[in-house]
Amino acid sequence: MIIKIVSLFLIGMMALAMFGRLRLPGPGGRKITLGRAKADKCPRCGRHKIGKGPCPCTKE
């Protein structure tokens, strides 16, 4: 009985790994795909912009 449970668990993990590689292509399936390829940065100070508002360096 325990061999059956372990084998089903391993088969399930293999199926998840195969679907993960299809969704996240790249070496080892670890390439992160986000909505934006590059984070927005402020042209003046180079900080990463969070949200849609202006950068804190322009609020001075």
PDB file of N, CA and C in Angstrom:
ATOM      1  N   MET A   1       0.827  -1.199   0.000  1.00  0.00           N
ATOM      2  CA  MET A   1       0.000   0.000   0.000  1.00  0.00           C
ATOM      3  C   MET A   1       0.867   1.257   0.000  1.00  0.00           C
ATOM      4  N   ILE A   2       1.898   1.255   0.836  1.00  0.00           N
ATOM      5  CA  ILE A   2       2.753   2.439   0.907  1.00  0.00           C
ATOM      6  C   ILE A   2       3.549   2.626  -0.380  1.00  0.00           C
ATOM      7  N   ILE A   3       3.902   1.529  -1.043  1.00  0.00           N
ATOM      8  CA  ILE A   3       4.618   1.625  -2.316  1.00  0.00           C
ATOM      9  C   ILE A   3       3.722   2.279  -3.369  1.00  0.00           C
ATOM     10  N   LYS A   4       2.451   1.953  -3.332  1.00  0.00           N
ATOM     11  CA  LYS A   4       1.496   2.539  -4.260  1.00  0.00           C
ATOM     12  C   LYS A   4       1.370   4.052  -4.025  1.00  0.00           C
ATOM     13  N   ILE A   5       1.308   4.466  -2.775  1.00  0.00           N
ATOM     14  CA  ILE A   5       1.190   5.882  -2.443  1.00  0.00           C
ATOM     15  C   ILE A   5       2.447   6.635  -2.877  1.00  0.00           C
ATOM     16  N   VAL A   6       3.616   6.076  -2.590  1.00  0.00           N
ATOM     17  CA  VAL A   6       4.874   6.715  -2.957  1.00  0.00           C
ATOM     18  C   VAL A   6       5.007   6.810  -4.471  1.00  0.00           C
ATOM     19  N   SER A   7       4.634   5.768  -5.184  1.00  0.00           N
ATOM     20  CA  SER A   7       4.748   5.799  -6.641  1.00  0.00           C
ATOM     21  C   SER A   7       3.784   6.835  -7.240  1.00  0.00           C
ATOM     22  N   LEU A   8       2.578   6.948  -6.724  1.00  0.00           N
ATOM     23  CA  LEU A   8       1.640   7.962  -7.200  1.00  0.00           C
ATOM     24  C   LEU A   8       2.152   9.371  -6.905  1.00  0.00           C
ATOM     25  N   PHE A   9       2.768   9.550  -5.736  1.00  0.00           N
ATOM     26  CA  PHE A   9       3.344  10.840  -5.397  1.00  0.00           C
ATOM     27  C   PHE A   9       4.463  11.205  -6.374  1.00  0.00           C
ATOM     28  N   LEU A  10       5.343  10.257  -6.673  1.00  0.00           N
ATOM     29  CA  LEU A  10       6.450  10.523  -7.593  1.00  0.00           C
ATOM     30  C   LEU A  10       5.950  10.799  -9.008  1.00  0.00           C
ATOM     31  N   ILE A  11       4.942  10.094  -9.443  1.00  0.00           N
ATOM     32  CA  ILE A  11       4.361  10.333 -10.774  1.00  0.00           C
ATOM     33  C   ILE A  11       3.740  11.731 -10.823  1.00  0.00           C
ATOM     34  N   GLY A  12       3.064  12.134  -9.747  1.00  0.00           N
ATOM     35  CA  GLY A  12       2.484  13.475  -9.677  1.00  0.00           C
ATOM     36  C   GLY A  12       3.550  14.558  -9.708  1.00  0.00           C
ATOM     37  N   MET A  13       4.651  14.340  -9.006  1.00  0.00           N
ATOM     38  CA  MET A  13       5.740  15.313  -9.002  1.00  0.00           C
ATOM     39  C   MET A  13       6.386  15.409 -10.388  1.00  0.00           C
ATOM     40  N   MET A  14       6.514  14.300 -11.072  1.00  0.00           N
ATOM     41  CA  MET A  14       7.076  14.317 -12.423  1.00  0.00           C
ATOM     42  C   MET A  14       6.158  15.093 -13.368  1.00  0.00           C
ATOM     43  N   ALA A  15       4.856  14.915 -13.228  1.00  0.00           N
ATOM     44  CA  ALA A  15       3.905  15.633 -14.078  1.00  0.00           C
ATOM     45  C   ALA A  15       3.979  17.138 -13.814  1.00  0.00           C
ATOM     46  N   LEU A  16       4.090  17.538 -12.544  1.00  0.00           N
ATOM     47  CA  LEU A  16       4.228  18.954 -12.221  1.00  0.00           C
ATOM     48  C   LEU A  16       5.519  19.534 -12.783  1.00  0.00           C
ATOM     49  N   ALA A  17       6.594  18.766 -12.737  1.00  0.00           N
ATOM     50  CA  ALA A  17       7.872  19.240 -13.278  1.00  0.00           C
ATOM     51  C   ALA A  17       7.784  19.433 -14.791  1.00  0.00           C
ATOM     52  N   MET A  18       7.112  18.519 -15.479  1.00  0.00           N
ATOM     53  CA  MET A  18       6.983  18.648 -16.937  1.00  0.00           C
ATOM     54  C   MET A  18       6.152  19.869 -17.300  1.00  0.00           C
ATOM     55  N   PHE A  19       5.057  20.128 -16.580  1.00  0.00           N
ATOM     56  CA  PHE A  19       4.247  21.305 -16.856  1.00  0.00           C
ATOM     57  C   PHE A  19       5.004  22.581 -16.503  1.00  0.00           C
ATOM     58  N   GLY A  20       5.813  22.551 -15.471  1.00  0.00           N
ATOM     59  CA  GLY A  20       6.613  23.708 -15.101  1.00  0.00           C
ATOM     60  C   GLY A  20       7.633  24.054 -16.168  1.00  0.00           C
ATOM     61  N   ARG A  21       8.226  23.054 -16.787  1.00  0.00           N
ATOM     62  CA  ARG A  21       9.202  23.309 -17.852  1.00  0.00           C
ATOM     63  C   ARG A  21       8.522  23.866 -19.096  1.00  0.00           C
ATOM     64  N   LEU A  22       7.297  23.465 -19.364  1.00  0.00           N
ATOM     65  CA  LEU A  22       6.581  24.012 -20.515  1.00  0.00           C
ATOM     66  C   LEU A  22       6.225  25.476 -20.290  1.00  0.00           C
ATOM     67  N   ARG A  23       5.873  25.825 -19.070  1.00  0.00           N
ATOM     68  CA  ARG A  23       5.437  27.178 -18.777  1.00  0.00           C
ATOM     69  C   ARG A  23       6.613  28.131 -18.604  1.00  0.00           C
ATOM     70  N   LEU A  24       7.708  27.669 -18.019  1.00  0.00           N
ATOM     71  CA  LEU A  24       8.864  28.509 -17.753  1.00  0.00           C
ATOM     72  C   LEU A  24      10.063  27.993 -18.541  1.00  0.00           C
ATOM     73  N   PRO A  25      10.202  28.384 -19.800  1.00  0.00           N
ATOM     74  CA  PRO A  25      11.309  27.879 -20.607  1.00  0.00           C
ATOM     75  C   PRO A  25      12.644  28.463 -20.154  1.00  0.00           C
ATOM     76  N   GLY A  26      13.691  27.800 -20.535  1.00  0.00           N
ATOM     77  CA  GLY A  26      15.024  28.268 -20.196  1.00  0.00           C
ATOM     78  C   GLY A  26      15.837  27.140 -19.573  1.00  0.00           C
ATOM     79  N   PRO A  27      17.065  27.432 -19.183  1.00  0.00           N
ATOM     80  CA  PRO A  27      17.899  26.392 -18.595  1.00  0.00           C
ATOM     81  C   PRO A  27      17.339  25.922 -17.258  1.00  0.00           C
ATOM     82  N   GLY A  28      16.956  24.693 -17.191  1.00  0.00           N
ATOM     83  CA  GLY A  28      16.411  24.142 -15.959  1.00  0.00           C
ATOM     84  C   GLY A  28      14.987  24.556 -15.671  1.00  0.00           C
ATOM     85  N   GLY A  29      14.345  25.286 -16.551  1.00  0.00           N
ATOM     86  CA  GLY A  29      12.972  25.714 -16.320  1.00  0.00           C
ATOM     87  C   GLY A  29      12.862  26.781 -15.251  1.00  0.00           C
ATOM     88  N   ARG A  30      13.910  27.562 -15.022  1.00  0.00           N
ATOM     89  CA  ARG A  30      13.908  28.533 -13.939  1.00  0.00           C
ATOM     90  C   ARG A  30      13.852  29.981 -14.393  1.00  0.00           C
ATOM     91  N   LYS A  31      13.601  30.224 -15.642  1.00  0.00           N
ATOM     92  CA  LYS A  31      13.528  31.593 -16.144  1.00  0.00           C
ATOM     93  C   LYS A  31      12.197  32.196 -15.692  1.00  0.00           C
ATOM     94  N   ILE A  32      12.268  33.296 -14.981  1.00  0.00           N
ATOM     95  CA  ILE A  32      11.063  33.920 -14.454  1.00  0.00           C
ATOM     96  C   ILE A  32      10.465  34.802 -15.543  1.00  0.00           C
ATOM     97  N   THR A  33       9.181  34.594 -15.817  1.00  0.00           N
ATOM     98  CA  THR A  33       8.513  35.403 -16.826  1.00  0.00           C
ATOM     99  C   THR A  33       7.523  36.310 -16.121  1.00  0.00           C
ATOM    100  N   LEU A  34       7.788  37.597 -16.160  1.00  0.00           N
ATOM    101  CA  LEU A  34       6.898  38.569 -15.557  1.00  0.00           C
ATOM    102  C   LEU A  34       6.207  39.356 -16.650  1.00  0.00           C
ATOM    103  N   GLY A  35       5.290  40.217 -16.257  1.00  0.00           N
ATOM    104  CA  GLY A  35       4.585  41.030 -17.228  1.00  0.00           C
ATOM    105  C   GLY A  35       5.519  41.964 -17.974  1.00  0.00           C
ATOM    106  N   ARG A  36       6.499  42.507 -17.272  1.00  0.00           N
ATOM    107  CA  ARG A  36       7.482  43.396 -17.882  1.00  0.00           C
ATOM    108  C   ARG A  36       8.825  42.704 -17.895  1.00  0.00           C
ATOM    109  N   ALA A  37       9.554  42.849 -18.966  1.00  0.00           N
ATOM    110  CA  ALA A  37      10.868  42.229 -19.038  1.00  0.00           C
ATOM    111  C   ALA A  37      11.874  42.981 -18.175  1.00  0.00           C
ATOM    112  N   LYS A  38      11.695  44.285 -18.057  1.00  0.00           N
ATOM    113  CA  LYS A  38      12.634  45.121 -17.330  1.00  0.00           C
ATOM    114  C   LYS A  38      11.853  46.038 -16.399  1.00  0.00           C
ATOM    115  N   ALA A  39      12.354  46.235 -15.192  1.00  0.00           N
ATOM    116  CA  ALA A  39      11.676  47.115 -14.254  1.00  0.00           C
ATOM    117  C   ALA A  39      11.883  48.571 -14.671  1.00  0.00           C
ATOM    118  N   ASP A  40      10.865  49.396 -14.455  1.00  0.00           N
ATOM    119  CA  ASP A  40      10.982  50.817 -14.778  1.00  0.00           C
ATOM    120  C   ASP A  40      11.914  51.488 -13.788  1.00  0.00           C
ATOM    121  N   LYS A  41      12.796  52.329 -14.301  1.00  0.00           N
ATOM    122  CA  LYS A  41      13.705  53.086 -13.455  1.00  0.00           C
ATOM    123  C   LYS A  41      13.534  54.568 -13.739  1.00  0.00           C
ATOM    124  N   CYS A  42      13.818  55.361 -12.727  1.00  0.00           N
ATOM    125  CA  CYS A  42      13.763  56.814 -12.871  1.00  0.00           C
ATOM    126  C   CYS A  42      14.949  57.260 -13.724  1.00  0.00           C
ATOM    127  N   PRO A  43      14.711  58.115 -14.724  1.00  0.00           N
ATOM    128  CA  PRO A  43      15.834  58.574 -15.557  1.00  0.00           C
ATOM    129  C   PRO A  43      16.789  59.510 -14.816  1.00  0.00           C
ATOM    130  N   ARG A  44      16.312  60.186 -13.757  1.00  0.00           N
ATOM    131  CA  ARG A  44      17.168  61.131 -13.022  1.00  0.00           C
ATOM    132  C   ARG A  44      18.075  60.435 -12.006  1.00  0.00           C
ATOM    133  N   CYS A  45      17.471  59.595 -11.136  1.00  0.00           N
ATOM    134  CA  CYS A  45      18.267  59.029 -10.043  1.00  0.00           C
ATOM    135  C   CYS A  45      18.579  57.545 -10.229  1.00  0.00           C
ATOM    136  N   GLY A  46      17.842  56.841 -11.089  1.00  0.00           N
ATOM    137  CA  GLY A  46      18.112  55.427 -11.337  1.00  0.00           C
ATOM    138  C   GLY A  46      17.404  54.475 -10.395  1.00  0.00           C
ATOM    139  N   ARG A  47      16.573  55.006  -9.497  1.00  0.00           N
ATOM    140  CA  ARG A  47      15.824  54.133  -8.583  1.00  0.00           C
ATOM    141  C   ARG A  47      14.730  53.385  -9.343  1.00  0.00           C
ATOM    142  N   HIS A  48      14.350  52.241  -8.794  1.00  0.00           N
ATOM    143  CA  HIS A  48      13.224  51.502  -9.368  1.00  0.00           C
ATOM    144  C   HIS A  48      11.937  52.215  -8.980  1.00  0.00           C
ATOM    145  N   LYS A  49      11.057  52.391  -9.959  1.00  0.00           N
ATOM    146  CA  LYS A  49       9.778  53.039  -9.704  1.00  0.00           C
ATOM    147  C   LYS A  49       8.778  51.998  -9.243  1.00  0.00           C
ATOM    148  N   ILE A  50       8.093  52.316  -8.159  1.00  0.00           N
ATOM    149  CA  ILE A  50       7.050  51.436  -7.637  1.00  0.00           C
ATOM    150  C   ILE A  50       5.741  52.188  -7.757  1.00  0.00           C
ATOM    151  N   GLY A  51       4.802  51.628  -8.476  1.00  0.00           N
ATOM    152  CA  GLY A  51       3.522  52.280  -8.679  1.00  0.00           C
ATOM    153  C   GLY A  51       3.550  53.195  -9.892  1.00  0.00           C
ATOM    154  N   LYS A  52       2.485  53.991 -10.025  1.00  0.00           N
ATOM    155  CA  LYS A  52       2.358  54.852 -11.201  1.00  0.00           C
ATOM    156  C   LYS A  52       2.722  56.287 -10.920  1.00  0.00           C
ATOM    157  N   GLY A  53       2.948  56.631  -9.674  1.00  0.00           N
ATOM    158  CA  GLY A  53       3.253  58.016  -9.314  1.00  0.00           C
ATOM    159  C   GLY A  53       4.667  58.400  -9.684  1.00  0.00           C
ATOM    160  N   PRO A  54       4.987  59.682  -9.458  1.00  0.00           N
ATOM    161  CA  PRO A  54       6.333  60.148  -9.774  1.00  0.00           C
ATOM    162  C   PRO A  54       7.357  59.616  -8.780  1.00  0.00           C
ATOM    163  N   CYS A  55       8.605  59.695  -9.153  1.00  0.00           N
ATOM    164  CA  CYS A  55       9.713  59.260  -8.293  1.00  0.00           C
ATOM    165  C   CYS A  55       9.869  60.253  -7.136  1.00  0.00           C
ATOM    166  N   PRO A  56      10.285  59.813  -5.965  1.00  0.00           N
ATOM    167  CA  PRO A  56      10.483  60.756  -4.836  1.00  0.00           C
ATOM    168  C   PRO A  56      11.525  61.830  -5.118  1.00  0.00           C
ATOM    169  N   CYS A  57      12.449  61.602  -6.051  1.00  0.00           N
ATOM    170  CA  CYS A  57      13.457  62.627  -6.318  1.00  0.00           C
ATOM    171  C   CYS A  57      12.863  63.829  -7.042  1.00  0.00           C
ATOM    172  N   THR A  58      11.697  63.673  -7.676  1.00  0.00           N
ATOM    173  CA  THR A  58      11.070  64.802  -8.377  1.00  0.00           C
ATOM    174  C   THR A  58      10.116  65.580  -7.478  1.00  0.00           C
ATOM    175  N   LYS A  59       9.829  65.076  -6.277  1.00  0.00           N
ATOM    176  CA  LYS A  59       8.908  65.745  -5.368  1.00  0.00           C
ATOM    177  C   LYS A  59       9.579  66.836  -4.547  1.00  0.00           C
ATOM    178  N   GLU A  60      10.865  67.040  -4.690  1.00  0.00           N
ATOM    179  CA  GLU A  60      11.595  68.020  -3.876  1.00  0.00           C
ATOM    180  C   GLU A  60      11.174  69.434  -4.139  1.00  0.00           C
TER     181      GLU A  60
END
